[in-house]
PDB file of N, CA and C in Angstrom:
ATOM      1  N   UNK A   1     -50.364  22.428 -56.102  1.00  0.00           N
ATOM      2  CA  UNK A   1     -49.829  23.273 -54.922  1.00  0.00           C
ATOM      3  C   UNK A   1     -48.611  22.519 -54.480  1.00  0.00           C
ATOM      4  N   UNK A   2     -48.812  21.056 -54.098  1.00  0.00           N
ATOM      5  CA  UNK A   2     -47.698  20.136 -53.831  1.00  0.00           C
ATOM      6  C   UNK A   2     -46.460  20.281 -54.891  1.00  0.00           C
ATOM      7  N   UNK A   3     -46.892  20.341 -56.151  1.00  0.00           N
ATOM      8  CA  UNK A   3     -45.929  20.400 -57.102  1.00  0.00           C
ATOM      9  C   UNK A   3     -44.797  21.616 -57.126  1.00  0.00           C
ATOM     10  N   UNK A   4     -45.545  22.828 -56.934  1.00  0.00           N
ATOM     11  CA  UNK A   4     -44.905  24.012 -56.746  1.00  0.00           C
ATOM     12  C   UNK A   4     -43.952  23.953 -55.759  1.00  0.00           C
ATOM     13  N   UNK A   5     -44.617  23.714 -54.510  1.00  0.00           N
ATOM     14  CA  UNK A   5     -43.820  23.785 -53.120  1.00  0.00           C
ATOM     15  C   UNK A   5     -42.554  22.821 -53.102  1.00  0.00           C
ATOM     16  N   UNK A   6     -42.880  21.743 -53.759  1.00  0.00           N
ATOM     17  CA  UNK A   6     -41.799  20.733 -53.851  1.00  0.00           C
ATOM     18  C   UNK A   6     -40.675  21.253 -54.427  1.00  0.00           C
ATOM     19  N   UNK A   7     -40.855  21.666 -55.469  1.00  0.00           N
ATOM     20  CA  UNK A   7     -39.684  22.362 -56.528  1.00  0.00           C
ATOM     21  C   UNK A   7     -39.026  23.429 -55.858  1.00  0.00           C
ATOM     22  N   UNK A   8     -39.993  24.460 -55.069  1.00  0.00           N
ATOM     23  CA  UNK A   8     -39.340  25.583 -54.480  1.00  0.00           C
ATOM     24  C   UNK A   8     -38.365  25.077 -53.053  1.00  0.00           C
ATOM     25  N   UNK A   9     -38.891  24.154 -52.501  1.00  0.00           N
ATOM     26  CA  UNK A   9     -38.098  23.624 -51.398  1.00  0.00           C
ATOM     27  C   UNK A   9     -36.945  22.792 -51.704  1.00  0.00           C
ATOM     28  N   UNK A  10     -36.996  22.153 -52.910  1.00  0.00           N
ATOM     29  CA  UNK A  10     -35.897  21.501 -53.427  1.00  0.00           C
ATOM     30  C   UNK A  10     -34.682  22.546 -53.918  1.00  0.00           C
ATOM     31  N   UNK A  11     -35.073  23.390 -54.593  1.00  0.00           N
ATOM     32  CA  UNK A  11     -34.145  24.590 -55.027  1.00  0.00           C
ATOM     33  C   UNK A  11     -33.655  25.369 -53.992  1.00  0.00           C
ATOM     34  N   UNK A  12     -34.427  25.636 -53.005  1.00  0.00           N
ATOM     35  CA  UNK A  12     -33.813  26.332 -51.802  1.00  0.00           C
ATOM     36  C   UNK A  12     -32.952  25.543 -51.063  1.00  0.00           C
ATOM     37  N   UNK A  13     -33.044  24.271 -51.223  1.00  0.00           N
ATOM     38  CA  UNK A  13     -32.045  23.345 -50.573  1.00  0.00           C
ATOM     39  C   UNK A  13     -30.636  23.477 -51.425  1.00  0.00           C
ATOM     40  N   UNK A  14     -30.998  23.748 -52.726  1.00  0.00           N
ATOM     41  CA  UNK A  14     -29.860  23.677 -53.779  1.00  0.00           C
ATOM     42  C   UNK A  14     -29.454  22.260 -54.136  1.00  0.00           C
ATOM     43  N   UNK A  15     -30.404  21.299 -54.118  1.00  0.00           N
ATOM     44  CA  UNK A  15     -30.021  20.089 -54.781  1.00  0.00           C
ATOM     45  C   UNK A  15     -30.668  19.609 -56.079  1.00  0.00           C
ATOM     46  N   UNK A  16     -30.449  18.755 -56.757  1.00  0.00           N
ATOM     47  CA  UNK A  16     -30.925  18.594 -58.176  1.00  0.00           C
ATOM     48  C   UNK A  16     -31.887  17.534 -57.828  1.00  0.00           C
ATOM     49  N   UNK A  17     -32.948  17.425 -58.925  1.00  0.00           N
ATOM     50  CA  UNK A  17     -33.812  16.434 -58.655  1.00  0.00           C
ATOM     51  C   UNK A  17     -33.237  14.974 -58.428  1.00  0.00           C
ATOM     52  N   UNK A  18     -32.237  14.633 -59.251  1.00  0.00           N
ATOM     53  CA  UNK A  18     -31.622  13.395 -59.029  1.00  0.00           C
ATOM     54  C   UNK A  18     -31.134  13.138 -57.552  1.00  0.00           C
ATOM     55  N   UNK A  19     -30.507  14.255 -57.068  1.00  0.00           N
ATOM     56  CA  UNK A  19     -29.949  13.988 -55.656  1.00  0.00           C
ATOM     57  C   UNK A  19     -31.119  13.766 -54.774  1.00  0.00           C
ATOM     58  N   UNK A  20     -32.225  14.587 -54.871  1.00  0.00           N
ATOM     59  CA  UNK A  20     -33.584  14.538 -53.942  1.00  0.00           C
ATOM     60  C   UNK A  20     -34.012  13.124 -54.178  1.00  0.00           C
ATOM     61  N   UNK A  21     -33.976  12.390 -55.373  1.00  0.00           N
ATOM     62  CA  UNK A  21     -34.483  10.968 -55.413  1.00  0.00           C
ATOM     63  C   UNK A  21     -33.643   9.975 -54.838  1.00  0.00           C
ATOM     64  N   UNK A  22     -32.423  10.313 -55.000  1.00  0.00           N
ATOM     65  CA  UNK A  22     -31.466   9.307 -54.360  1.00  0.00           C
ATOM     66  C   UNK A  22     -31.649   9.329 -52.792  1.00  0.00           C
ATOM     67  N   UNK A  23     -31.698  10.435 -52.267  1.00  0.00           N
ATOM     68  CA  UNK A  23     -31.808  10.898 -50.662  1.00  0.00           C
ATOM     69  C   UNK A  23     -33.039  10.007 -50.239  1.00  0.00           C
ATOM     70  N   UNK A  24     -34.120  10.149 -51.010  1.00  0.00           N
ATOM     71  CA  UNK A  24     -35.340   9.322 -50.597  1.00  0.00           C
ATOM     72  C   UNK A  24     -35.529   7.747 -50.960  1.00  0.00           C
ATOM     73  N   UNK A  25     -34.425   7.379 -51.598  1.00  0.00           N
ATOM     74  CA  UNK A  25     -34.287   5.919 -51.851  1.00  0.00           C
ATOM     75  C   UNK A  25     -34.829   5.389 -53.098  1.00  0.00           C
ATOM     76  N   UNK A  26     -35.095   6.085 -54.138  1.00  0.00           N
ATOM     77  CA  UNK A  26     -35.528   5.832 -55.330  1.00  0.00           C
ATOM     78  C   UNK A  26     -34.368   5.111 -56.042  1.00  0.00           C
ATOM     79  N   UNK A  27     -34.922   4.128 -56.830  1.00  0.00           N
ATOM     80  CA  UNK A  27     -33.950   3.524 -57.670  1.00  0.00           C
ATOM     81  C   UNK A  27     -33.243   4.469 -58.898  1.00  0.00           C
ATOM     82  N   UNK A  28     -32.127   3.883 -59.207  1.00  0.00           N
ATOM     83  CA  UNK A  28     -31.425   4.971 -60.257  1.00  0.00           C
ATOM     84  C   UNK A  28     -32.188   4.886 -61.583  1.00  0.00           C
ATOM     85  N   UNK A  29     -32.849   3.839 -61.713  1.00  0.00           N
ATOM     86  CA  UNK A  29     -33.632   3.888 -63.217  1.00  0.00           C
ATOM     87  C   UNK A  29     -34.766   4.953 -63.174  1.00  0.00           C
ATOM     88  N   UNK A  30     -35.252   5.320 -62.170  1.00  0.00           N
ATOM     89  CA  UNK A  30     -36.453   6.234 -61.976  1.00  0.00           C
ATOM     90  C   UNK A  30     -36.093   7.561 -61.386  1.00  0.00           C
ATOM     91  N   UNK A  31     -34.993   7.555 -60.691  1.00  0.00           N
ATOM     92  CA  UNK A  31     -34.683   8.837 -59.716  1.00  0.00           C
ATOM     93  C   UNK A  31     -34.958  10.129 -60.123  1.00  0.00           C
ATOM     94  N   UNK A  32     -34.593  10.602 -61.313  1.00  0.00           N
ATOM     95  CA  UNK A  32     -34.851  11.901 -61.859  1.00  0.00           C
ATOM     96  C   UNK A  32     -36.205  11.950 -62.517  1.00  0.00           C
ATOM     97  N   UNK A  33     -36.640  11.013 -63.233  1.00  0.00           N
ATOM     98  CA  UNK A  33     -37.874  11.096 -64.017  1.00  0.00           C
ATOM     99  C   UNK A  33     -39.137  11.408 -62.835  1.00  0.00           C
ATOM    100  N   UNK A  34     -39.110  10.464 -61.769  1.00  0.00           N
ATOM    101  CA  UNK A  34     -40.013  10.534 -60.800  1.00  0.00           C
ATOM    102  C   UNK A  34     -40.191  11.855 -60.145  1.00  0.00           C
ATOM    103  N   UNK A  35     -38.959  12.374 -59.850  1.00  0.00           N
ATOM    104  CA  UNK A  35     -38.909  13.730 -59.290  1.00  0.00           C
ATOM    105  C   UNK A  35     -39.607  14.610 -60.151  1.00  0.00           C
ATOM    106  N   UNK A  36     -39.119  14.663 -61.410  1.00  0.00           N
ATOM    107  CA  UNK A  36     -39.694  15.628 -62.520  1.00  0.00           C
ATOM    108  C   UNK A  36     -41.129  15.595 -62.627  1.00  0.00           C
ATOM    109  N   UNK A  37     -41.870  14.231 -62.437  1.00  0.00           N
ATOM    110  CA  UNK A  37     -43.030  14.171 -62.652  1.00  0.00           C
ATOM    111  C   UNK A  37     -43.792  14.764 -61.443  1.00  0.00           C
ATOM    112  N   UNK A  38     -43.102  14.632 -60.075  1.00  0.00           N
ATOM    113  CA  UNK A  38     -43.926  15.198 -59.043  1.00  0.00           C
ATOM    114  C   UNK A  38     -43.913  16.536 -59.109  1.00  0.00           C
ATOM    115  N   UNK A  39     -42.777  17.157 -59.620  1.00  0.00           N
ATOM    116  CA  UNK A  39     -42.675  18.757 -59.623  1.00  0.00           C
ATOM    117  C   UNK A  39     -43.534  19.434 -60.649  1.00  0.00           C
ATOM    118  N   UNK A  40     -43.783  18.500 -61.884  1.00  0.00           N
ATOM    119  CA  UNK A  40     -44.722  19.057 -62.863  1.00  0.00           C
ATOM    120  C   UNK A  40     -46.162  18.799 -62.636  1.00  0.00           C
ATOM    121  N   UNK A  41     -46.526  18.007 -61.599  1.00  0.00           N
ATOM    122  CA  UNK A  41     -47.895  17.586 -61.279  1.00  0.00           C
ATOM    123  C   UNK A  41     -48.391  16.690 -62.030  1.00  0.00           C
ATOM    124  N   UNK A  42     -47.718  15.918 -62.778  1.00  0.00           N
ATOM    125  CA  UNK A  42     -48.182  14.837 -63.497  1.00  0.00           C
ATOM    126  C   UNK A  42     -48.468  13.540 -62.902  1.00  0.00           C
ATOM    127  N   UNK A  43     -47.802  13.250 -61.888  1.00  0.00           N
ATOM    128  CA  UNK A  43     -48.010  12.340 -60.896  1.00  0.00           C
ATOM    129  C   UNK A  43     -47.842  12.758 -59.365  1.00  0.00           C
ATOM    130  N   UNK A  44     -48.279  12.094 -58.507  1.00  0.00           N
ATOM    131  CA  UNK A  44     -48.157  12.487 -57.080  1.00  0.00           C
ATOM    132  C   UNK A  44     -47.763  11.301 -56.499  1.00  0.00           C
ATOM    133  N   UNK A  45     -47.022  11.577 -55.530  1.00  0.00           N
ATOM    134  CA  UNK A  45     -46.299  10.550 -54.382  1.00  0.00           C
ATOM    135  C   UNK A  45     -47.316  10.099 -53.713  1.00  0.00           C
ATOM    136  N   UNK A  46     -46.991   8.790 -53.151  1.00  0.00           N
ATOM    137  CA  UNK A  46     -48.078   8.059 -52.223  1.00  0.00           C
ATOM    138  C   UNK A  46     -47.629   8.990 -50.838  1.00  0.00           C
ATOM    139  N   UNK A  47     -48.368   8.636 -49.849  1.00  0.00           N
ATOM    140  CA  UNK A  47     -48.168   9.417 -48.480  1.00  0.00           C
ATOM    141  C   UNK A  47     -46.814   9.249 -47.895  1.00  0.00           C
ATOM    142  N   UNK A  48     -46.113   7.938 -48.005  1.00  0.00           N
ATOM    143  CA  UNK A  48     -44.992   7.625 -47.407  1.00  0.00           C
ATOM    144  C   UNK A  48     -43.920   8.272 -48.263  1.00  0.00           C
ATOM    145  N   UNK A  49     -43.940   8.392 -49.468  1.00  0.00           N
ATOM    146  CA  UNK A  49     -42.814   9.057 -50.463  1.00  0.00           C
ATOM    147  C   UNK A  49     -42.864  10.725 -50.084  1.00  0.00           C
ATOM    148  N   UNK A  50     -44.169  11.054 -49.951  1.00  0.00           N
ATOM    149  CA  UNK A  50     -44.490  12.426 -49.701  1.00  0.00           C
ATOM    150  C   UNK A  50     -43.806  12.890 -48.389  1.00  0.00           C
ATOM    151  N   UNK A  51     -43.911  11.970 -47.375  1.00  0.00           N
ATOM    152  CA  UNK A  51     -43.321  12.157 -45.732  1.00  0.00           C
ATOM    153  C   UNK A  51     -41.700  12.165 -46.041  1.00  0.00           C
ATOM    154  N   UNK A  52     -41.172  11.206 -46.965  1.00  0.00           N
ATOM    155  CA  UNK A  52     -39.674  11.401 -47.187  1.00  0.00           C
ATOM    156  C   UNK A  52     -39.246  12.438 -47.798  1.00  0.00           C
ATOM    157  N   UNK A  53     -39.982  12.886 -48.839  1.00  0.00           N
ATOM    158  CA  UNK A  53     -39.690  14.202 -49.460  1.00  0.00           C
ATOM    159  C   UNK A  53     -39.588  15.469 -48.585  1.00  0.00           C
ATOM    160  N   UNK A  54     -40.650  15.459 -47.717  1.00  0.00           N
ATOM    161  CA  UNK A  54     -40.843  16.522 -46.868  1.00  0.00           C
ATOM    162  C   UNK A  54     -39.459  16.524 -45.866  1.00  0.00           C
ATOM    163  N   UNK A  55     -39.146  15.342 -45.302  1.00  0.00           N
ATOM    164  CA  UNK A  55     -38.338  15.016 -44.392  1.00  0.00           C
ATOM    165  C   UNK A  55     -36.773  15.551 -44.631  1.00  0.00           C
ATOM    166  N   UNK A  56     -36.552  14.899 -46.111  1.00  0.00           N
ATOM    167  CA  UNK A  56     -35.517  15.400 -46.834  1.00  0.00           C
ATOM    168  C   UNK A  56     -35.214  16.784 -47.216  1.00  0.00           C
ATOM    169  N   UNK A  57     -36.196  17.437 -47.412  1.00  0.00           N
ATOM    170  CA  UNK A  57     -36.189  18.979 -47.787  1.00  0.00           C
ATOM    171  C   UNK A  57     -36.331  19.860 -46.609  1.00  0.00           C
ATOM    172  N   UNK A  58     -36.479  19.126 -45.235  1.00  0.00           N
ATOM    173  CA  UNK A  58     -36.406  19.921 -44.068  1.00  0.00           C
ATOM    174  C   UNK A  58     -37.916  20.880 -43.845  1.00  0.00           C
ATOM    175  N   UNK A  59     -38.822  20.143 -44.499  1.00  0.00           N
ATOM    176  CA  UNK A  59     -40.078  21.135 -44.207  1.00  0.00           C
ATOM    177  C   UNK A  59     -41.171  20.132 -43.873  1.00  0.00           C
ATOM    178  N   UNK A  60     -42.259  20.678 -43.187  1.00  0.00           N
ATOM    179  CA  UNK A  60     -43.372  19.919 -42.683  1.00  0.00           C
ATOM    180  C   UNK A  60     -44.095  19.438 -43.942  1.00  0.00           C
ATOM    181  N   UNK A  61     -44.564  18.305 -43.813  1.00  0.00           N
ATOM    182  CA  UNK A  61     -45.300  17.524 -44.978  1.00  0.00           C
ATOM    183  C   UNK A  61     -46.614  18.432 -45.021  1.00  0.00           C
ATOM    184  N   UNK A  62     -47.177  18.919 -44.032  1.00  0.00           N
ATOM    185  CA  UNK A  62     -48.335  19.963 -44.274  1.00  0.00           C
ATOM    186  C   UNK A  62     -48.061  21.007 -45.023  1.00  0.00           C
ATOM    187  N   UNK A  63     -46.949  21.485 -45.024  1.00  0.00           N
ATOM    188  CA  UNK A  63     -46.623  22.678 -45.771  1.00  0.00           C
ATOM    189  C   UNK A  63     -46.662  22.458 -47.424  1.00  0.00           C
ATOM    190  N   UNK A  64     -46.171  20.965 -47.647  1.00  0.00           N
ATOM    191  CA  UNK A  64     -46.046  20.583 -49.068  1.00  0.00           C
ATOM    192  C   UNK A  64     -47.710  20.377 -49.351  1.00  0.00           C
ATOM    193  N   UNK A  65     -48.663  19.969 -48.657  1.00  0.00           N
ATOM    194  CA  UNK A  65     -50.003  19.614 -48.685  1.00  0.00           C
ATOM    195  C   UNK A  65     -51.033  20.825 -48.599  1.00  0.00           C
ATOM    196  N   UNK A  66     -50.639  22.004 -48.180  1.00  0.00           N
ATOM    197  CA  UNK A  66     -51.530  22.793 -47.739  1.00  0.00           C
ATOM    198  C   UNK A  66     -52.338  23.449 -48.904  1.00  0.00           C
ATOM    199  N   UNK A  67     -53.638  23.650 -48.830  1.00  0.00           N
ATOM    200  CA  UNK A  67     -54.420  24.060 -49.762  1.00  0.00           C
ATOM    201  C   UNK A  67     -54.046  25.385 -50.581  1.00  0.00           C
ATOM    202  N   UNK A  68     -53.356  26.380 -49.824  1.00  0.00           N
ATOM    203  CA  UNK A  68     -53.227  27.434 -50.331  1.00  0.00           C
ATOM    204  C   UNK A  68     -51.860  28.051 -49.696  1.00  0.00           C
ATOM    205  N   UNK A  69     -51.280  29.180 -50.637  1.00  0.00           N
ATOM    206  CA  UNK A  69     -50.090  29.667 -50.060  1.00  0.00           C
ATOM    207  C   UNK A  69     -50.009  30.226 -48.718  1.00  0.00           C
ATOM    208  N   UNK A  70     -50.988  31.083 -48.421  1.00  0.00           N
ATOM    209  CA  UNK A  70     -50.896  31.656 -46.951  1.00  0.00           C
ATOM    210  C   UNK A  70     -50.947  30.493 -46.066  1.00  0.00           C
ATOM    211  N   UNK A  71     -51.694  29.596 -46.200  1.00  0.00           N
ATOM    212  CA  UNK A  71     -51.731  28.429 -45.004  1.00  0.00           C
ATOM    213  C   UNK A  71     -50.446  27.782 -45.085  1.00  0.00           C
ATOM    214  N   UNK A  72     -49.828  27.618 -46.206  1.00  0.00           N
ATOM    215  CA  UNK A  72     -48.381  27.046 -46.310  1.00  0.00           C
ATOM    216  C   UNK A  72     -47.600  27.774 -45.665  1.00  0.00           C
ATOM    217  N   UNK A  73     -47.423  29.134 -45.918  1.00  0.00           N
ATOM    218  CA  UNK A  73     -46.594  30.138 -44.967  1.00  0.00           C
ATOM    219  C   UNK A  73     -46.774  30.119 -43.488  1.00  0.00           C
ATOM    220  N   UNK A  74     -48.099  29.931 -43.022  1.00  0.00           N
ATOM    221  CA  UNK A  74     -48.399  29.864 -41.684  1.00  0.00           C
ATOM    222  C   UNK A  74     -47.506  28.467 -41.218  1.00  0.00           C
ATOM    223  N   UNK A  75     -48.032  27.467 -41.855  1.00  0.00           N
ATOM    224  CA  UNK A  75     -47.497  26.024 -41.359  1.00  0.00           C
ATOM    225  C   UNK A  75     -45.971  26.230 -41.300  1.00  0.00           C
ATOM    226  N   UNK A  76     -45.297  26.786 -42.298  1.00  0.00           N
ATOM    227  CA  UNK A  76     -43.841  26.840 -42.533  1.00  0.00           C
ATOM    228  C   UNK A  76     -43.353  27.777 -41.272  1.00  0.00           C
ATOM    229  N   UNK A  77     -43.967  28.791 -41.058  1.00  0.00           N
ATOM    230  CA  UNK A  77     -43.363  29.670 -40.003  1.00  0.00           C
ATOM    231  C   UNK A  77     -43.535  29.061 -38.599  1.00  0.00           C
ATOM    232  N   UNK A  78     -44.659  28.338 -38.222  1.00  0.00           N
ATOM    233  CA  UNK A  78     -45.125  27.864 -37.141  1.00  0.00           C
ATOM    234  C   UNK A  78     -44.128  26.638 -36.714  1.00  0.00           C
ATOM    235  N   UNK A  79     -43.652  25.830 -37.900  1.00  0.00           N
ATOM    236  CA  UNK A  79     -42.528  24.660 -37.681  1.00  0.00           C
ATOM    237  C   UNK A  79     -41.566  25.203 -37.081  1.00  0.00           C
ATOM    238  N   UNK A  80     -41.110  26.448 -37.406  1.00  0.00           N
ATOM    239  CA  UNK A  80     -39.730  26.706 -36.625  1.00  0.00           C
ATOM    240  C   UNK A  80     -39.947  27.469 -35.422  1.00  0.00           C
ATOM    241  N   UNK A  81     -40.930  27.250 -34.813  1.00  0.00           N
ATOM    242  CA  UNK A  81     -41.365  27.895 -33.443  1.00  0.00           C
ATOM    243  C   UNK A  81     -41.085  26.887 -32.468  1.00  0.00           C
ATOM    244  N   UNK A  82     -40.718  27.197 -31.309  1.00  0.00           N
ATOM    245  CA  UNK A  82     -40.481  26.347 -30.160  1.00  0.00           C
ATOM    246  C   UNK A  82     -41.955  25.687 -29.826  1.00  0.00           C
ATOM    247  N   UNK A  83     -42.168  24.522 -29.000  1.00  0.00           N
ATOM    248  CA  UNK A  83     -43.520  24.114 -28.800  1.00  0.00           C
ATOM    249  C   UNK A  83     -44.410  25.048 -28.127  1.00  0.00           C
ATOM    250  N   UNK A  84     -43.592  25.873 -27.011  1.00  0.00           N
ATOM    251  CA  UNK A  84     -44.621  26.918 -26.313  1.00  0.00           C
ATOM    252  C   UNK A  84     -45.090  27.855 -27.129  1.00  0.00           C
ATOM    253  N   UNK A  85     -44.168  28.215 -28.100  1.00  0.00           N
ATOM    254  CA  UNK A  85     -44.598  29.403 -29.032  1.00  0.00           C
ATOM    255  C   UNK A  85     -45.707  28.706 -30.128  1.00  0.00           C
ATOM    256  N   UNK A  86     -45.731  27.582 -30.421  1.00  0.00           N
ATOM    257  CA  UNK A  86     -46.653  26.906 -31.207  1.00  0.00           C
ATOM    258  C   UNK A  86     -47.986  26.883 -30.470  1.00  0.00           C
ATOM    259  N   UNK A  87     -48.036  26.587 -29.188  1.00  0.00           N
ATOM    260  CA  UNK A  87     -49.221  26.437 -28.320  1.00  0.00           C
ATOM    261  C   UNK A  87     -49.785  27.822 -28.179  1.00  0.00           C
ATOM    262  N   UNK A  88     -49.052  28.758 -28.082  1.00  0.00           N
ATOM    263  CA  UNK A  88     -49.680  30.210 -27.961  1.00  0.00           C
ATOM    264  C   UNK A  88     -50.367  30.706 -29.251  1.00  0.00           C
ATOM    265  N   UNK A  89     -49.505  30.338 -30.500  1.00  0.00           N
ATOM    266  CA  UNK A  89     -49.989  30.731 -31.639  1.00  0.00           C
ATOM    267  C   UNK A  89     -51.399  29.994 -31.994  1.00  0.00           C
ATOM    268  N   UNK A  90     -51.430  28.884 -31.595  1.00  0.00           N
ATOM    269  CA  UNK A  90     -52.587  27.837 -31.710  1.00  0.00           C
ATOM    270  C   UNK A  90     -53.903  28.554 -30.828  1.00  0.00           C
ATOM    271  N   UNK A  91     -53.457  28.939 -29.676  1.00  0.00           N
ATOM    272  CA  UNK A  91     -54.437  29.536 -28.825  1.00  0.00           C
ATOM    273  C   UNK A  91     -55.009  30.819 -29.341  1.00  0.00           C
ATOM    274  N   UNK A  92     -54.068  31.503 -29.806  1.00  0.00           N
ATOM    275  CA  UNK A  92     -54.536  32.895 -30.568  1.00  0.00           C
ATOM    276  C   UNK A  92     -55.316  32.720 -31.615  1.00  0.00           C
ATOM    277  N   UNK A  93     -54.926  31.671 -32.483  1.00  0.00           N
ATOM    278  CA  UNK A  93     -55.905  31.470 -33.653  1.00  0.00           C
ATOM    279  C   UNK A  93     -57.222  30.903 -33.229  1.00  0.00           C
ATOM    280  N   UNK A  94     -57.286  30.069 -32.305  1.00  0.00           N
ATOM    281  CA  UNK A  94     -58.570  29.448 -31.792  1.00  0.00           C
ATOM    282  C   UNK A  94     -59.354  30.765 -31.167  1.00  0.00           C
ATOM    283  N   UNK A  95     -58.760  31.481 -30.741  1.00  0.00           N
ATOM    284  CA  UNK A  95     -59.567  32.803 -29.992  1.00  0.00           C
ATOM    285  C   UNK A  95     -60.065  33.576 -31.101  1.00  0.00           C
ATOM    286  N   UNK A  96     -59.314  33.612 -32.059  1.00  0.00           N
ATOM    287  CA  UNK A  96     -59.819  34.576 -33.396  1.00  0.00           C
ATOM    288  C   UNK A  96     -61.088  33.952 -34.012  1.00  0.00           C
ATOM    289  N   UNK A  97     -60.821  32.517 -34.058  1.00  0.00           N
ATOM    290  CA  UNK A  97     -61.889  31.871 -34.893  1.00  0.00           C
ATOM    291  C   UNK A  97     -63.096  32.042 -34.116  1.00  0.00           C
ATOM    292  N   UNK A  98     -63.169  31.915 -32.652  1.00  0.00           N
ATOM    293  CA  UNK A  98     -64.478  31.917 -31.705  1.00  0.00           C
ATOM    294  C   UNK A  98     -64.958  33.278 -31.978  1.00  0.00           C
ATOM    295  N   UNK A  99     -64.293  34.257 -32.179  1.00  0.00           N
ATOM    296  CA  UNK A  99     -64.796  35.750 -32.258  1.00  0.00           C
ATOM    297  C   UNK A  99     -65.328  36.282 -33.588  1.00  0.00           C
ATOM    298  N   UNK A 100     -64.924  35.413 -34.491  1.00  0.00           N
ATOM    299  CA  UNK A 100     -65.284  35.753 -36.036  1.00  0.00           C
ATOM    300  C   UNK A 100     -66.661  35.249 -36.397  1.00  0.00           C
ATOM    301  N   UNK A 101     -67.307  35.981 -37.212  1.00  0.00           N
ATOM    302  CA  UNK A 101     -68.618  35.482 -37.574  1.00  0.00           C
ATOM    303  C   UNK A 101     -68.686  34.366 -38.367  1.00  0.00           C
ATOM    304  N   UNK A 102     -69.823  33.612 -38.295  1.00  0.00           N
ATOM    305  CA  UNK A 102     -69.907  32.381 -38.783  1.00  0.00           C
ATOM    306  C   UNK A 102     -69.969  32.644 -40.610  1.00  0.00           C
ATOM    307  N   UNK A 103     -69.403  31.759 -41.372  1.00  0.00           N
ATOM    308  CA  UNK A 103     -69.490  31.967 -42.746  1.00  0.00           C
ATOM    309  C   UNK A 103     -70.890  31.680 -43.299  1.00  0.00           C
TER     310      UNK A 103
END
């Protein structure tokens, strides 16, 4: 999931793999190949690099790491809300969870 969302976010921003690598401080020798491996899922970045990628792409790190697309969409939408809206959404979700039957 990380690989797919990373590529989608990069393409949405309209930058190349090389440019993204440069922006997060990768050396010129590995800049394009490293991002390619991340996007193919053959390699995973460490936490610090994943954080830099998310920041540069303008998405929450949790969005890139979410277990499924629905959760990723919720995270992405909530990130654009004001703190007050986020608190309200969190309270609504907690209330729904309390009323839901146990799995």
